Amino acid sequence: MTGMPELSDATGQAAPVAGVNGADGIGRRLAAHRARRGLRVAELARDVGVTPSLISQIERGQSRPSVSTLFALAEALHVPVDAFFRELPHEGEAAADDALPGDGRYLVRKGNRAAIDIEGGVRWERLTRNTMDHLDFFELIYEPGAQSHPRQYTHPGTEMVLVMRGCLEITVGFERYLLDPGDSMDFPSTMPHRYVNPGDETAHAVTVIFYDCSGARDGGQGRRHPAP
């Protein structure tokens, strides 16, 4: 275990993806955000700390980013991390309402959640109908042996986690915690950390990541609207 954040892939290479639907969606949205900011692949790769080939593979739907890489991409592109759940409006278009179909204005049915599959058996499901200012609210699903990244990483915010099923091992700095169903914890996301499912059962947890109102998501520039 390292005590320093690391945002690059452990090998600089991406694992192939079996089935590209989820990866293709993330890649398409990544390419759109990169183009919107006028960044070349090499420039974005340098900002994120990964290889240009990894960025290209993600954009082509040949690979999924790790959790840490996804957070780093969001920071580099000055977008919320859940921007990768939704399509970016074309220039000149009004932002589409990203609210999910449901019963009334507030409810999200389990089958209607926006979701993305991330590298290594990790899935995020958004628990709100809309993007929310200054926080993310997700269900985390980790297959047995899945991990957020081989090394610790950081991102802005404060993280709160409640394990619902299975178990998660969460390392924060030099401290390691094993969370069973009903256990919860909170910690500054600016501390180096990582998640691992060490068990034989798929782990389900609920997380809230709170970003301070001064613009912790994007280096003090505030939340960008329209939301992509």
C-alpha atoms as a PDB file:
ATOM      1  CA  MET A   1       0.000   0.000   0.000  1.00  0.00           C
ATOM      2  CA  THR A   2       1.313   3.429  -0.904  1.00  0.00           C
ATOM      3  CA  GLY A   3       0.636   6.609   1.025  1.00  0.00           C
ATOM      4  CA  MET A   4       0.762   8.825  -2.046  1.00  0.00           C
ATOM      5  CA  PRO A   5      -2.100   9.410  -4.524  1.00  0.00           C
ATOM      6  CA  GLU A   6      -1.678   7.841  -7.914  1.00  0.00           C
ATOM      7  CA  LEU A   7      -4.009   8.613 -10.792  1.00  0.00           C
ATOM      8  CA  SER A   8      -2.294   6.677 -13.534  1.00  0.00           C
ATOM      9  CA  ASP A   9      -3.052   3.118 -14.524  1.00  0.00           C
ATOM     10  CA  ALA A  10      -0.740   0.698 -12.768  1.00  0.00           C
ATOM     11  CA  THR A  11       0.746  -0.492 -16.065  1.00  0.00           C
ATOM     12  CA  GLY A  12      -0.130   2.417 -18.334  1.00  0.00           C
ATOM     13  CA  GLN A  13      -2.273   0.007 -20.353  1.00  0.00           C
ATOM     14  CA  ALA A  14      -5.988  -0.660 -20.317  1.00  0.00           C
ATOM     15  CA  ALA A  15      -7.634  -4.008 -19.930  1.00  0.00           C
ATOM     16  CA  PRO A  16      -9.843  -5.102 -22.844  1.00  0.00           C
ATOM     17  CA  VAL A  17     -13.579  -4.855 -22.347  1.00  0.00           C
ATOM     18  CA  ALA A  18     -15.971  -7.691 -22.951  1.00  0.00           C
ATOM     19  CA  GLY A  19     -19.013  -5.940 -24.330  1.00  0.00           C
ATOM     20  CA  VAL A  20     -18.575  -2.281 -25.172  1.00  0.00           C
ATOM     21  CA  ASN A  21     -21.998  -0.772 -24.476  1.00  0.00           C
ATOM     22  CA  GLY A  22     -21.060   0.860 -21.155  1.00  0.00           C
ATOM     23  CA  ALA A  23     -17.505   1.614 -22.218  1.00  0.00           C
ATOM     24  CA  ASP A  24     -18.681   3.068 -25.517  1.00  0.00           C
ATOM     25  CA  GLY A  25     -21.011   5.475 -23.701  1.00  0.00           C
ATOM     26  CA  ILE A  26     -18.278   6.710 -21.361  1.00  0.00           C
ATOM     27  CA  GLY A  27     -15.856   7.025 -24.275  1.00  0.00           C
ATOM     28  CA  ARG A  28     -18.263   8.991 -26.432  1.00  0.00           C
ATOM     29  CA  ARG A  29     -18.985  11.427 -23.620  1.00  0.00           C
ATOM     30  CA  LEU A  30     -15.311  11.756 -22.756  1.00  0.00           C
ATOM     31  CA  ALA A  31     -14.479  12.608 -26.371  1.00  0.00           C
ATOM     32  CA  ALA A  32     -17.287  15.194 -26.449  1.00  0.00           C
ATOM     33  CA  HIS A  33     -16.089  16.914 -23.270  1.00  0.00           C
ATOM     34  CA  ARG A  34     -12.475  16.888 -24.451  1.00  0.00           C
ATOM     35  CA  ALA A  35     -13.488  18.413 -27.792  1.00  0.00           C
ATOM     36  CA  ARG A  36     -15.619  21.032 -26.021  1.00  0.00           C
ATOM     37  CA  ARG A  37     -12.553  22.152 -24.071  1.00  0.00           C
ATOM     38  CA  GLY A  38     -10.314  22.063 -27.136  1.00  0.00           C
ATOM     39  CA  LEU A  39      -7.860  19.571 -25.647  1.00  0.00           C
ATOM     40  CA  ARG A  40      -5.800  17.082 -27.610  1.00  0.00           C
ATOM     41  CA  VAL A  41      -5.578  13.499 -26.408  1.00  0.00           C
ATOM     42  CA  ALA A  42      -1.956  14.005 -25.326  1.00  0.00           C
ATOM     43  CA  GLU A  43      -2.848  17.145 -23.358  1.00  0.00           C
ATOM     44  CA  LEU A  44      -5.671  15.453 -21.490  1.00  0.00           C
ATOM     45  CA  ALA A  45      -3.491  12.410 -20.798  1.00  0.00           C
ATOM     46  CA  ARG A  46      -0.789  14.649 -19.331  1.00  0.00           C
ATOM     47  CA  ASP A  47      -3.299  16.452 -17.116  1.00  0.00           C
ATOM     48  CA  VAL A  48      -4.754  13.174 -15.851  1.00  0.00           C
ATOM     49  CA  GLY A  49      -1.455  11.319 -15.496  1.00  0.00           C
ATOM     50  CA  VAL A  50      -2.150   8.421 -17.842  1.00  0.00           C
ATOM     51  CA  THR A  51      -0.869   7.444 -21.274  1.00  0.00           C
ATOM     52  CA  PRO A  52      -2.395   8.913 -24.468  1.00  0.00           C
ATOM     53  CA  SER A  53      -3.091   5.362 -25.625  1.00  0.00           C
ATOM     54  CA  LEU A  54      -5.294   4.802 -22.568  1.00  0.00           C
ATOM     55  CA  ILE A  55      -7.340   7.928 -23.349  1.00  0.00           C
ATOM     56  CA  SER A  56      -7.719   6.793 -26.963  1.00  0.00           C
ATOM     57  CA  GLN A  57      -8.808   3.308 -25.914  1.00  0.00           C
ATOM     58  CA  ILE A  58     -11.410   4.729 -23.522  1.00  0.00           C
ATOM     59  CA  GLU A  59     -12.765   7.093 -26.199  1.00  0.00           C
ATOM     60  CA  ARG A  60     -13.026   4.246 -28.726  1.00  0.00           C
ATOM     61  CA  GLY A  61     -14.925   2.074 -26.248  1.00  0.00           C
ATOM     62  CA  GLN A  62     -12.110  -0.476 -26.076  1.00  0.00           C
ATOM     63  CA  SER A  63     -11.508   0.046 -22.357  1.00  0.00           C
ATOM     64  CA  ARG A  64     -13.164   1.324 -19.213  1.00  0.00           C
ATOM     65  CA  PRO A  65     -11.439   3.797 -16.896  1.00  0.00           C
ATOM     66  CA  SER A  66     -10.735   2.908 -13.303  1.00  0.00           C
ATOM     67  CA  VAL A  67     -12.582   4.813 -10.575  1.00  0.00           C
ATOM     68  CA  SER A  68      -9.529   6.979  -9.900  1.00  0.00           C
ATOM     69  CA  THR A  69      -9.065   7.755 -13.597  1.00  0.00           C
ATOM     70  CA  LEU A  70     -12.740   8.711 -13.908  1.00  0.00           C
ATOM     71  CA  PHE A  71     -12.405  11.214 -11.057  1.00  0.00           C
ATOM     72  CA  ALA A  72      -9.179  12.565 -12.575  1.00  0.00           C
ATOM     73  CA  LEU A  73     -10.852  12.990 -15.986  1.00  0.00           C
ATOM     74  CA  ALA A  74     -13.729  14.891 -14.381  1.00  0.00           C
ATOM     75  CA  GLU A  75     -11.291  17.204 -12.606  1.00  0.00           C
ATOM     76  CA  ALA A  76      -9.218  17.815 -15.732  1.00  0.00           C
ATOM     77  CA  LEU A  77     -12.321  18.566 -17.821  1.00  0.00           C
ATOM     78  CA  HIS A  78     -13.983  20.682 -15.091  1.00  0.00           C
ATOM     79  CA  VAL A  79     -17.169  18.608 -15.090  1.00  0.00           C
ATOM     80  CA  PRO A  80     -18.948  16.647 -12.349  1.00  0.00           C
ATOM     81  CA  VAL A  81     -18.068  12.978 -12.320  1.00  0.00           C
ATOM     82  CA  ASP A  82     -21.629  12.056 -13.240  1.00  0.00           C
ATOM     83  CA  ALA A  83     -21.176  13.931 -16.532  1.00  0.00           C
ATOM     84  CA  PHE A  84     -20.128  10.554 -17.901  1.00  0.00           C
ATOM     85  CA  PHE A  85     -23.646   9.227 -17.310  1.00  0.00           C
ATOM     86  CA  ARG A  86     -25.198  11.629 -19.831  1.00  0.00           C
ATOM     87  CA  GLU A  87     -24.746  12.998 -23.335  1.00  0.00           C
ATOM     88  CA  LEU A  88     -23.285  16.473 -23.863  1.00  0.00           C
ATOM     89  CA  PRO A  89     -25.695  18.864 -25.655  1.00  0.00           C
ATOM     90  CA  HIS A  90     -24.579  20.044 -29.086  1.00  0.00           C
ATOM     91  CA  GLU A  91     -23.406  23.631 -29.473  1.00  0.00           C
ATOM     92  CA  GLY A  92     -26.359  26.013 -29.584  1.00  0.00           C
ATOM     93  CA  GLU A  93     -28.759  23.497 -28.019  1.00  0.00           C
ATOM     94  CA  ALA A  94     -30.404  23.983 -24.694  1.00  0.00           C
ATOM     95  CA  ALA A  95     -29.337  21.455 -22.107  1.00  0.00           C
ATOM     96  CA  ALA A  96     -31.727  18.550 -22.057  1.00  0.00           C
ATOM     97  CA  ASP A  97     -33.421  17.748 -18.776  1.00  0.00           C
ATOM     98  CA  ASP A  98     -31.435  14.803 -17.466  1.00  0.00           C
ATOM     99  CA  ALA A  99     -34.169  13.734 -15.085  1.00  0.00           C
ATOM    100  CA  LEU A 100     -34.918  10.038 -15.348  1.00  0.00           C
ATOM    101  CA  PRO A 101     -38.394   8.663 -16.025  1.00  0.00           C
ATOM    102  CA  GLY A 102     -40.245   7.873 -12.841  1.00  0.00           C
ATOM    103  CA  ASP A 103     -43.442   8.247 -10.855  1.00  0.00           C
ATOM    104  CA  GLY A 104     -43.977  11.922 -10.233  1.00  0.00           C
ATOM    105  CA  ARG A 105     -41.186  14.452  -9.853  1.00  0.00           C
ATOM    106  CA  TYR A 106     -39.043  12.829  -7.180  1.00  0.00           C
ATOM    107  CA  LEU A 107     -38.984   9.033  -7.370  1.00  0.00           C
ATOM    108  CA  VAL A 108     -36.360   6.938  -9.166  1.00  0.00           C
ATOM    109  CA  ARG A 109     -37.293   3.274  -9.671  1.00  0.00           C
ATOM    110  CA  LYS A 110     -34.426   0.794  -9.397  1.00  0.00           C
ATOM    111  CA  GLY A 111     -34.794  -0.246 -13.028  1.00  0.00           C
ATOM    112  CA  ASN A 112     -34.624   3.372 -14.221  1.00  0.00           C
ATOM    113  CA  ARG A 113     -31.320   4.379 -12.644  1.00  0.00           C
ATOM    114  CA  ALA A 114     -28.588   5.921 -14.776  1.00  0.00           C
ATOM    115  CA  ALA A 115     -25.554   3.643 -14.482  1.00  0.00           C
ATOM    116  CA  ILE A 116     -22.022   3.192 -15.756  1.00  0.00           C
ATOM    117  CA  ASP A 117     -19.721   0.175 -15.615  1.00  0.00           C
ATOM    118  CA  ILE A 118     -16.130   0.922 -14.687  1.00  0.00           C
ATOM    119  CA  GLU A 119     -12.942  -1.084 -15.049  1.00  0.00           C
ATOM    120  CA  GLY A 120     -12.464  -4.187 -12.940  1.00  0.00           C
ATOM    121  CA  GLY A 121     -16.010  -5.175 -11.999  1.00  0.00           C
ATOM    122  CA  VAL A 122     -17.204  -1.867 -10.528  1.00  0.00           C
ATOM    123  CA  ARG A 123     -20.600  -0.352 -11.300  1.00  0.00           C
ATOM    124  CA  TRP A 124     -22.038   3.017 -10.259  1.00  0.00           C
ATOM    125  CA  GLU A 125     -25.800   3.619 -10.236  1.00  0.00           C
ATOM    126  CA  ARG A 126     -27.000   7.184  -9.713  1.00  0.00           C
ATOM    127  CA  LEU A 127     -29.714   7.437  -7.053  1.00  0.00           C
ATOM    128  CA  THR A 128     -31.045  10.882  -7.974  1.00  0.00           C
ATOM    129  CA  ARG A 129     -33.220  11.807 -10.942  1.00  0.00           C
ATOM    130  CA  ASN A 130     -31.019  14.795 -11.772  1.00  0.00           C
ATOM    131  CA  THR A 131     -27.457  15.902 -11.344  1.00  0.00           C
ATOM    132  CA  MET A 132     -27.320  17.652  -7.978  1.00  0.00           C
ATOM    133  CA  ASP A 133     -25.208  20.679  -7.197  1.00  0.00           C
ATOM    134  CA  HIS A 134     -22.293  19.980  -4.886  1.00  0.00           C
ATOM    135  CA  LEU A 135     -22.904  16.286  -4.252  1.00  0.00           C
ATOM    136  CA  ASP A 136     -23.046  12.859  -5.889  1.00  0.00           C
ATOM    137  CA  PHE A 137     -25.334  10.105  -4.572  1.00  0.00           C
ATOM    138  CA  PHE A 138     -24.580   6.615  -5.924  1.00  0.00           C
ATOM    139  CA  GLU A 139     -25.016   2.947  -5.228  1.00  0.00           C
ATOM    140  CA  LEU A 140     -21.628   1.256  -5.562  1.00  0.00           C
ATOM    141  CA  ILE A 141     -21.544  -2.344  -6.756  1.00  0.00           C
ATOM    142  CA  TYR A 142     -18.234  -4.208  -6.469  1.00  0.00           C
ATOM    143  CA  GLU A 143     -17.914  -7.740  -7.787  1.00  0.00           C
ATOM    144  CA  PRO A 144     -15.779 -10.167  -5.715  1.00  0.00           C
ATOM    145  CA  GLY A 145     -12.159  -9.049  -5.963  1.00  0.00           C
ATOM    146  CA  ALA A 146     -13.050  -5.730  -7.604  1.00  0.00           C
ATOM    147  CA  GLN A 147     -11.099  -2.626  -6.627  1.00  0.00           C
ATOM    148  CA  SER A 148     -11.357   1.076  -7.339  1.00  0.00           C
ATOM    149  CA  HIS A 149      -7.684   1.175  -8.371  1.00  0.00           C
ATOM    150  CA  PRO A 150      -4.523  -0.825  -7.608  1.00  0.00           C
ATOM    151  CA  ARG A 151      -3.138   2.212  -5.765  1.00  0.00           C
ATOM    152  CA  GLN A 152      -4.591   4.965  -3.637  1.00  0.00           C
ATOM    153  CA  TYR A 153      -5.935   8.124  -5.258  1.00  0.00           C
ATOM    154  CA  THR A 154      -7.465  11.450  -4.264  1.00  0.00           C
ATOM    155  CA  HIS A 155     -10.187  13.779  -5.505  1.00  0.00           C
ATOM    156  CA  PRO A 156     -12.048  16.784  -4.083  1.00  0.00           C
ATOM    157  CA  GLY A 157     -14.812  16.406  -1.533  1.00  0.00           C
ATOM    158  CA  THR A 158     -15.922  14.502   1.547  1.00  0.00           C
ATOM    159  CA  GLU A 159     -16.947  10.870   1.118  1.00  0.00           C
ATOM    160  CA  MET A 160     -19.626   9.024   3.112  1.00  0.00           C
ATOM    161  CA  VAL A 161     -20.196   5.277   2.657  1.00  0.00           C
ATOM    162  CA  LEU A 162     -22.750   2.799   4.014  1.00  0.00           C
ATOM    163  CA  VAL A 163     -22.307  -0.897   3.185  1.00  0.00           C
ATOM    164  CA  MET A 164     -25.613  -2.638   2.505  1.00  0.00           C
ATOM    165  CA  ARG A 165     -24.521  -6.121   1.405  1.00  0.00           C
ATOM    166  CA  GLY A 166     -21.242  -8.023   1.265  1.00  0.00           C
ATOM    167  CA  CYS A 167     -18.167  -6.234   2.549  1.00  0.00           C
ATOM    168  CA  LEU A 168     -15.765  -3.521   1.460  1.00  0.00           C
ATOM    169  CA  GLU A 169     -12.204  -2.885   2.564  1.00  0.00           C
ATOM    170  CA  ILE A 170     -11.537   0.860   2.473  1.00  0.00           C
ATOM    171  CA  THR A 171      -8.023   2.170   2.971  1.00  0.00           C
ATOM    172  CA  VAL A 172      -7.564   5.833   3.898  1.00  0.00           C
ATOM    173  CA  GLY A 173      -3.946   6.886   4.169  1.00  0.00           C
ATOM    174  CA  PHE A 174      -2.216   4.202   6.230  1.00  0.00           C
ATOM    175  CA  GLU A 175      -5.425   3.021   7.922  1.00  0.00           C
ATOM    176  CA  ARG A 176      -7.424   0.057   6.621  1.00  0.00           C
ATOM    177  CA  TYR A 177     -11.067  -0.622   7.517  1.00  0.00           C
ATOM    178  CA  LEU A 178     -13.255  -3.645   6.794  1.00  0.00           C
ATOM    179  CA  LEU A 179     -16.911  -2.639   6.523  1.00  0.00           C
ATOM    180  CA  ASP A 180     -19.676  -5.238   6.885  1.00  0.00           C
ATOM    181  CA  PRO A 181     -23.402  -4.668   6.232  1.00  0.00           C
ATOM    182  CA  GLY A 182     -24.627  -1.750   8.327  1.00  0.00           C
ATOM    183  CA  ASP A 183     -21.147  -0.277   8.831  1.00  0.00           C
ATOM    184  CA  SER A 184     -20.482   3.249   7.640  1.00  0.00           C
ATOM    185  CA  MET A 185     -17.644   5.753   7.546  1.00  0.00           C
ATOM    186  CA  ASP A 186     -16.787   9.206   6.292  1.00  0.00           C
ATOM    187  CA  PHE A 187     -13.456  10.730   5.334  1.00  0.00           C
ATOM    188  CA  PRO A 188     -11.980  13.585   3.285  1.00  0.00           C
ATOM    189  CA  SER A 189     -11.681  12.470  -0.340  1.00  0.00           C
ATOM    190  CA  THR A 190      -8.508  14.536  -0.492  1.00  0.00           C
ATOM    191  CA  MET A 191      -6.880  11.788   1.605  1.00  0.00           C
ATOM    192  CA  PRO A 192      -5.328   8.982  -0.461  1.00  0.00           C
ATOM    193  CA  HIS A 193      -7.828   6.120  -0.466  1.00  0.00           C
ATOM    194  CA  ARG A 194      -9.036   3.026  -2.301  1.00  0.00           C
ATOM    195  CA  TYR A 195     -11.883   0.493  -2.178  1.00  0.00           C
ATOM    196  CA  VAL A 196     -11.580  -3.298  -2.494  1.00  0.00           C
ATOM    197  CA  ASN A 197     -14.135  -6.092  -2.220  1.00  0.00           C
ATOM    198  CA  PRO A 198     -12.127  -8.857  -0.490  1.00  0.00           C
ATOM    199  CA  GLY A 199     -15.101 -11.209  -0.157  1.00  0.00           C
ATOM    200  CA  ASP A 200     -16.784 -13.874  -2.264  1.00  0.00           C
ATOM    201  CA  GLU A 201     -20.076 -11.961  -2.462  1.00  0.00           C
ATOM    202  CA  THR A 202     -20.888  -8.920  -4.585  1.00  0.00           C
ATOM    203  CA  ALA A 203     -20.727  -5.838  -2.364  1.00  0.00           C
ATOM    204  CA  HIS A 204     -23.397  -3.127  -2.458  1.00  0.00           C
ATOM    205  CA  ALA A 205     -22.883   0.218  -0.758  1.00  0.00           C
ATOM    206  CA  VAL A 206     -24.429   3.667  -0.859  1.00  0.00           C
ATOM    207  CA  THR A 207     -22.126   6.658  -1.079  1.00  0.00           C
ATOM    208  CA  VAL A 208     -22.524  10.411  -0.942  1.00  0.00           C
ATOM    209  CA  ILE A 209     -19.643  12.591  -2.097  1.00  0.00           C
ATOM    210  CA  PHE A 210     -20.091  16.154  -0.930  1.00  0.00           C
ATOM    211  CA  TYR A 211     -18.216  18.980  -2.660  1.00  0.00           C
ATOM    212  CA  ASP A 212     -17.960  22.268  -0.811  1.00  0.00           C
ATOM    213  CA  CYS A 213     -19.912  25.193  -2.202  1.00  0.00           C
ATOM    214  CA  SER A 214     -16.792  27.154  -3.112  1.00  0.00           C
ATOM    215  CA  GLY A 215     -16.261  24.921  -6.128  1.00  0.00           C
ATOM    216  CA  ALA A 216     -14.307  21.913  -4.909  1.00  0.00           C
ATOM    217  CA  ARG A 217     -15.313  19.950  -7.999  1.00  0.00           C
ATOM    218  CA  ASP A 218     -13.402  22.118 -10.409  1.00  0.00           C
ATOM    219  CA  GLY A 219     -10.665  23.967  -8.623  1.00  0.00           C
ATOM    220  CA  GLY A 220     -12.764  26.927  -7.470  1.00  0.00           C
ATOM    221  CA  GLN A 221     -14.492  27.636 -10.777  1.00  0.00           C
ATOM    222  CA  GLY A 222     -17.890  26.510  -9.451  1.00  0.00           C
ATOM    223  CA  ARG A 223     -20.359  24.071 -10.966  1.00  0.00           C
ATOM    224  CA  ARG A 224     -20.542  24.388 -14.735  1.00  0.00           C
ATOM    225  CA  HIS A 225     -23.947  24.795 -16.342  1.00  0.00           C
ATOM    226  CA  PRO A 226     -25.628  23.605 -18.400  1.00  0.00           C
ATOM    227  CA  ALA A 227     -24.907  20.203 -16.933  1.00  0.00           C
ATOM    228  CA  PRO A 228     -23.730  17.914 -19.734  1.00  0.00           C
END
